[in-house]
Amino acid sequence: VQLVESGGGLVQPGGSLRLSCAASGFTFSRYAMSWYRQAPGKERELVARIFGTGGSTFYVDSAKGRFTISRDNAKNTVYLQMNSLQPEDTAVYYCNALGFNSWGQGTQVPVST
């Protein structure tokens, strides 16, 4: 299993970013995919999840209404559109395939003026 996150970068409060995660080494369409984040000094936490069949989604409360998770099974890629970013969203963002204990290098999202 290989996961490669991209799309992070410095953004001002109120700004937007779209993260991407390219996956390989497993049958992507069969697995739920998640985005997690780890803020400095804190544990990694779930942000959003999208299921392989039907595309149903789950968001933690802090992400509801601001973040949108989506997937393109033809491209083996999962996305996280993040709007109205705030300093508390500052973290390294990781994707994960449910059932695999494999992680990419993450992509950093600093939210600051």
C-alpha atoms as a PDB file:
ATOM      1  CA  VAL A   1       0.000   0.000   0.000  1.00  0.00           C
ATOM      2  CA  GLN A   2       1.366   3.384  -0.995  1.00  0.00           C
ATOM      3  CA  LEU A   3      -0.256   6.718  -0.233  1.00  0.00           C
ATOM      4  CA  VAL A   4       1.109  10.040  -1.467  1.00  0.00           C
ATOM      5  CA  GLU A   5      -0.457  13.227  -0.166  1.00  0.00           C
ATOM      6  CA  SER A   6      -0.065  16.601  -1.852  1.00  0.00           C
ATOM      7  CA  GLY A   7      -1.636  20.030  -2.062  1.00  0.00           C
ATOM      8  CA  GLY A   8      -0.686  21.508   1.285  1.00  0.00           C
ATOM      9  CA  GLY A   9       0.878  24.899   1.834  1.00  0.00           C
ATOM     10  CA  LEU A  10       0.655  28.126   3.739  1.00  0.00           C
ATOM     11  CA  VAL A  11      -2.817  29.665   3.644  1.00  0.00           C
ATOM     12  CA  GLN A  12      -4.318  32.689   5.324  1.00  0.00           C
ATOM     13  CA  PRO A  13      -7.312  32.395   7.663  1.00  0.00           C
ATOM     14  CA  GLY A  14     -10.474  32.177   5.608  1.00  0.00           C
ATOM     15  CA  GLY A  15      -8.651  30.662   2.677  1.00  0.00           C
ATOM     16  CA  SER A  16      -9.085  27.346   0.879  1.00  0.00           C
ATOM     17  CA  LEU A  17      -6.962  24.391  -0.134  1.00  0.00           C
ATOM     18  CA  ARG A  18      -7.577  21.148  -1.979  1.00  0.00           C
ATOM     19  CA  LEU A  19      -5.557  18.173  -0.819  1.00  0.00           C
ATOM     20  CA  SER A  20      -5.013  15.081  -2.948  1.00  0.00           C
ATOM     21  CA  CYS A  21      -3.954  11.572  -2.046  1.00  0.00           C
ATOM     22  CA  ALA A  22      -2.800   9.157  -4.737  1.00  0.00           C
ATOM     23  CA  ALA A  23      -3.164   5.526  -3.683  1.00  0.00           C
ATOM     24  CA  SER A  24      -1.681   2.319  -5.059  1.00  0.00           C
ATOM     25  CA  GLY A  25      -1.057  -1.280  -4.062  1.00  0.00           C
ATOM     26  CA  PHE A  26      -4.643  -2.261  -3.328  1.00  0.00           C
ATOM     27  CA  THR A  27      -8.065  -2.261  -4.994  1.00  0.00           C
ATOM     28  CA  PHE A  28      -8.857   1.361  -4.266  1.00  0.00           C
ATOM     29  CA  SER A  29     -12.564   1.327  -5.089  1.00  0.00           C
ATOM     30  CA  ARG A  30     -13.273  -1.380  -2.509  1.00  0.00           C
ATOM     31  CA  TYR A  31     -11.970   0.546   0.483  1.00  0.00           C
ATOM     32  CA  ALA A  32     -13.153   3.466   2.518  1.00  0.00           C
ATOM     33  CA  MET A  33     -10.639   6.293   2.486  1.00  0.00           C
ATOM     34  CA  SER A  34     -10.039   8.775   5.260  1.00  0.00           C
ATOM     35  CA  TRP A  35      -8.242  12.013   5.924  1.00  0.00           C
ATOM     36  CA  TYR A  36      -6.564  12.472   9.283  1.00  0.00           C
ATOM     37  CA  ARG A  37      -4.573  15.359  10.677  1.00  0.00           C
ATOM     38  CA  GLN A  38      -1.978  15.803  13.375  1.00  0.00           C
ATOM     39  CA  ALA A  39      -1.465  19.216  14.892  1.00  0.00           C
ATOM     40  CA  PRO A  40       1.795  20.094  16.686  1.00  0.00           C
ATOM     41  CA  GLY A  41       1.879  18.397  20.079  1.00  0.00           C
ATOM     42  CA  LYS A  42      -1.384  16.557  19.528  1.00  0.00           C
ATOM     43  CA  GLU A  43      -2.441  13.075  18.510  1.00  0.00           C
ATOM     44  CA  ARG A  44      -3.525  12.223  14.996  1.00  0.00           C
ATOM     45  CA  GLU A  45      -7.281  12.633  14.567  1.00  0.00           C
ATOM     46  CA  LEU A  46      -9.856  11.638  11.975  1.00  0.00           C
ATOM     47  CA  VAL A  47     -11.202  14.479   9.847  1.00  0.00           C
ATOM     48  CA  ALA A  48     -13.384  12.827   7.192  1.00  0.00           C
ATOM     49  CA  ARG A  49     -14.106   9.470   5.589  1.00  0.00           C
ATOM     50  CA  ILE A  50     -15.654   8.386   2.310  1.00  0.00           C
ATOM     51  CA  PHE A  51     -16.831   4.862   1.650  1.00  0.00           C
ATOM     52  CA  GLY A  52     -15.916   2.935  -1.448  1.00  0.00           C
ATOM     53  CA  THR A  53     -19.367   1.979  -2.616  1.00  0.00           C
ATOM     54  CA  GLY A  54     -22.041   4.626  -2.836  1.00  0.00           C
ATOM     55  CA  GLY A  55     -19.708   7.369  -1.743  1.00  0.00           C
ATOM     56  CA  SER A  56     -21.332   8.052   1.601  1.00  0.00           C
ATOM     57  CA  THR A  57     -19.306  10.354   3.815  1.00  0.00           C
ATOM     58  CA  PHE A  58     -18.580  11.097   7.440  1.00  0.00           C
ATOM     59  CA  TYR A  59     -17.136  14.266   8.974  1.00  0.00           C
ATOM     60  CA  VAL A  60     -16.061  15.179  12.458  1.00  0.00           C
ATOM     61  CA  ASP A  61     -17.892  18.167  13.869  1.00  0.00           C
ATOM     62  CA  SER A  62     -15.029  20.596  13.247  1.00  0.00           C
ATOM     63  CA  ALA A  63     -15.046  19.739   9.531  1.00  0.00           C
ATOM     64  CA  LYS A  64     -18.779  19.773   8.865  1.00  0.00           C
ATOM     65  CA  GLY A  65     -19.851  22.547   6.517  1.00  0.00           C
ATOM     66  CA  ARG A  66     -16.269  23.537   5.669  1.00  0.00           C
ATOM     67  CA  PHE A  67     -14.536  20.426   4.333  1.00  0.00           C
ATOM     68  CA  THR A  68     -15.628  18.095   1.544  1.00  0.00           C
ATOM     69  CA  ILE A  69     -14.119  14.671   0.937  1.00  0.00           C
ATOM     70  CA  SER A  70     -14.443  13.100  -2.496  1.00  0.00           C
ATOM     71  CA  ARG A  71     -12.847  10.335  -4.524  1.00  0.00           C
ATOM     72  CA  ASP A  72     -12.114   9.426  -8.116  1.00  0.00           C
ATOM     73  CA  ASN A  73     -11.940   5.649  -8.313  1.00  0.00           C
ATOM     74  CA  ALA A  74     -10.681   5.800 -11.902  1.00  0.00           C
ATOM     75  CA  LYS A  75      -7.653   7.774 -10.710  1.00  0.00           C
ATOM     76  CA  ASN A  76      -7.214   5.974  -7.361  1.00  0.00           C
ATOM     77  CA  THR A  77      -7.280   9.374  -5.725  1.00  0.00           C
ATOM     78  CA  VAL A  78      -9.084  10.867  -2.746  1.00  0.00           C
ATOM     79  CA  TYR A  79      -9.459  14.605  -2.220  1.00  0.00           C
ATOM     80  CA  LEU A  80     -10.165  16.948   0.653  1.00  0.00           C
ATOM     81  CA  GLN A  81     -11.517  20.382  -0.238  1.00  0.00           C
ATOM     82  CA  MET A  82     -11.018  22.672   2.733  1.00  0.00           C
ATOM     83  CA  ASN A  83     -12.742  26.050   2.906  1.00  0.00           C
ATOM     84  CA  SER A  84     -12.857  28.754   5.565  1.00  0.00           C
ATOM     85  CA  LEU A  85      -9.590  27.528   7.038  1.00  0.00           C
ATOM     86  CA  GLN A  86      -8.691  28.706  10.519  1.00  0.00           C
ATOM     87  CA  PRO A  87      -5.452  28.651  12.527  1.00  0.00           C
ATOM     88  CA  GLU A  88      -6.775  25.659  14.490  1.00  0.00           C
ATOM     89  CA  ASP A  89      -6.773  23.678  11.227  1.00  0.00           C
ATOM     90  CA  THR A  90      -2.974  23.911  11.149  1.00  0.00           C
ATOM     91  CA  ALA A  91      -1.664  20.349  10.982  1.00  0.00           C
ATOM     92  CA  VAL A  92      -0.030  17.720   8.855  1.00  0.00           C
ATOM     93  CA  TYR A  93      -2.767  16.007   6.870  1.00  0.00           C
ATOM     94  CA  TYR A  94      -2.606  12.299   6.037  1.00  0.00           C
ATOM     95  CA  CYS A  95      -4.799   9.941   4.077  1.00  0.00           C
ATOM     96  CA  ASN A  96      -5.466   6.336   5.025  1.00  0.00           C
ATOM     97  CA  ALA A  97      -7.219   3.319   3.585  1.00  0.00           C
ATOM     98  CA  LEU A  98      -9.520   1.761   6.171  1.00  0.00           C
ATOM     99  CA  GLY A  99      -8.088  -1.546   7.314  1.00  0.00           C
ATOM    100  CA  PHE A 100      -4.482  -0.773   6.391  1.00  0.00           C
ATOM    101  CA  ASN A 101      -1.951   0.557   8.865  1.00  0.00           C
ATOM    102  CA  SER A 102      -0.091   2.421   6.137  1.00  0.00           C
ATOM    103  CA  TRP A 103       0.564   6.127   6.056  1.00  0.00           C
ATOM    104  CA  GLY A 104       2.129   8.503   3.607  1.00  0.00           C
ATOM    105  CA  GLN A 105       4.462  11.339   4.413  1.00  0.00           C
ATOM    106  CA  GLY A 106       1.592  13.747   4.891  1.00  0.00           C
ATOM    107  CA  THR A 107       1.169  17.266   3.597  1.00  0.00           C
ATOM    108  CA  GLN A 108       1.584  20.309   5.820  1.00  0.00           C
ATOM    109  CA  VAL A 109      -1.147  22.907   6.117  1.00  0.00           C
ATOM    110  CA  PRO A 110      -0.105  25.972   8.103  1.00  0.00           C
ATOM    111  CA  VAL A 111      -2.940  28.499   8.471  1.00  0.00           C
ATOM    112  CA  SER A 112      -1.526  31.849   9.427  1.00  0.00           C
ATOM    113  CA  THR A 113      -1.287  35.507   8.517  1.00  0.00           C
END
